[in-house]
Amino acid sequence: MDREVLMLHLRQAFEGTPAERRTVARAAGDLADSGAFERDFDAELTADVLLEHLADAPGGGPAERWNWWMGALEASHGGYREFRITAWAE
């Protein structure tokens, strides 16, 4: 997953601060590198897939949407709690 491209897409879709977008992109890259999403869904985690899921969130910036999605994945499959975002530096 190209984190720079993802940060651009996050800005266009959900705004947020540069630090927030960078943190979400890093967490998404870590998730992609872990292979957990691919193993559980038999699909590659791409920026398009990620943006589609984040768009389902009830609102908020990129980090809030990311955490909402990680909570849903944790509830349905387990093992996603480690990818939640707790803070980012401005």
Protein backbone atom coordinates (compact mmCIF):
# COMPACT_ATOMS: atom_id res chain seq x y z
CA MET A 1 0.00 0.00 0.00
CA ASP A 2 1.39 3.36 -1.01
CA ARG A 3 1.02 5.49 2.12
CA GLU A 4 1.58 8.78 0.28
CA VAL A 5 -1.26 8.04 -2.14
CA LEU A 6 -3.47 6.96 0.73
CA MET A 7 -2.80 10.22 2.59
CA LEU A 8 -3.88 12.17 -0.51
CA HIS A 9 -7.09 10.14 -0.80
CA LEU A 10 -7.81 10.58 2.90
CA ARG A 11 -7.42 14.35 2.57
CA GLN A 12 -9.77 14.47 -0.40
CA ALA A 13 -12.38 12.24 1.20
CA PHE A 14 -12.32 13.08 4.92
CA GLU A 15 -10.03 16.09 5.47
CA GLY A 16 -8.35 15.92 8.90
CA THR A 17 -4.92 17.21 9.76
CA PRO A 18 -1.74 16.09 8.01
CA ALA A 19 -0.61 14.33 11.21
CA GLU A 20 -3.92 12.50 11.50
CA ARG A 21 -3.81 11.35 7.87
CA ARG A 22 -0.18 10.26 8.24
CA THR A 23 -1.07 8.23 11.35
CA VAL A 24 -3.99 6.52 9.61
CA ALA A 25 -1.80 5.75 6.59
CA ARG A 26 0.85 4.26 8.87
CA ALA A 27 -1.74 2.12 10.68
CA ALA A 28 -3.22 1.00 7.35
CA GLY A 29 0.24 0.08 6.09
CA ASP A 30 0.88 -1.90 9.26
CA LEU A 31 -2.43 -3.71 8.82
CA ALA A 32 -1.65 -4.49 5.18
CA ASP A 33 1.85 -5.69 6.12
CA SER A 34 0.44 -7.95 8.85
CA GLY A 35 -1.61 -9.94 6.35
CA ALA A 36 -4.56 -10.08 8.77
CA PHE A 37 -7.05 -8.39 6.45
CA GLU A 38 -6.01 -10.50 3.48
CA ARG A 39 -6.23 -13.67 5.58
CA ASP A 40 -9.67 -12.83 6.99
CA PHE A 41 -11.25 -11.50 3.79
CA ASP A 42 -9.23 -13.18 1.03
CA ALA A 43 -8.69 -9.72 -0.47
CA GLU A 44 -5.84 -7.25 -0.62
CA LEU A 45 -6.15 -4.13 1.51
CA THR A 46 -5.87 -1.30 -0.99
CA ALA A 47 -6.51 2.42 -0.63
CA ASP A 48 -9.81 2.00 -2.50
CA VAL A 49 -10.96 -0.80 -0.20
CA LEU A 50 -9.96 1.20 2.86
CA LEU A 51 -11.74 4.35 1.68
CA GLU A 52 -14.89 2.39 0.95
CA HIS A 53 -14.97 1.02 4.51
CA LEU A 54 -14.12 4.37 6.10
CA ALA A 55 -16.97 5.97 4.16
CA ASP A 56 -19.36 3.62 6.00
CA ALA A 57 -18.44 5.17 9.35
CA PRO A 58 -21.06 7.44 10.90
CA GLY A 59 -18.80 10.49 10.63
CA GLY A 60 -15.65 12.12 11.90
CA GLY A 61 -12.15 12.60 10.62
CA PRO A 62 -9.89 9.89 9.24
CA ALA A 63 -8.75 8.59 12.65
CA GLU A 64 -12.27 8.38 14.05
CA ARG A 65 -13.43 6.55 10.94
CA TRP A 66 -10.41 4.24 11.07
CA ASN A 67 -11.07 3.38 14.71
CA TRP A 68 -14.74 2.77 13.97
CA TRP A 69 -13.73 0.30 11.26
CA MET A 70 -11.11 -1.38 13.46
CA GLY A 71 -13.79 -1.79 16.15
CA ALA A 72 -16.09 -3.47 13.64
CA LEU A 73 -13.29 -5.79 12.49
CA GLU A 74 -12.37 -6.57 16.10
CA ALA A 75 -15.99 -7.46 16.87
CA SER A 76 -16.40 -9.65 13.81
CA HIS A 77 -12.98 -11.33 13.54
CA GLY A 78 -10.81 -10.40 16.52
CA GLY A 79 -7.16 -9.41 16.33
CA TYR A 80 -7.64 -5.86 15.08
CA ARG A 81 -7.42 -3.96 18.38
CA GLU A 82 -3.67 -3.48 17.94
CA PHE A 83 -4.31 -1.36 14.82
CA ARG A 84 -6.48 1.24 16.59
CA ILE A 85 -5.14 4.77 16.80
CA THR A 86 -4.90 6.30 20.24
CA ALA A 87 -3.03 9.55 19.49
CA TRP A 88 -1.17 11.49 16.84
CA ALA A 89 1.16 14.45 17.09
CA GLU A 90 0.02 17.70 15.52
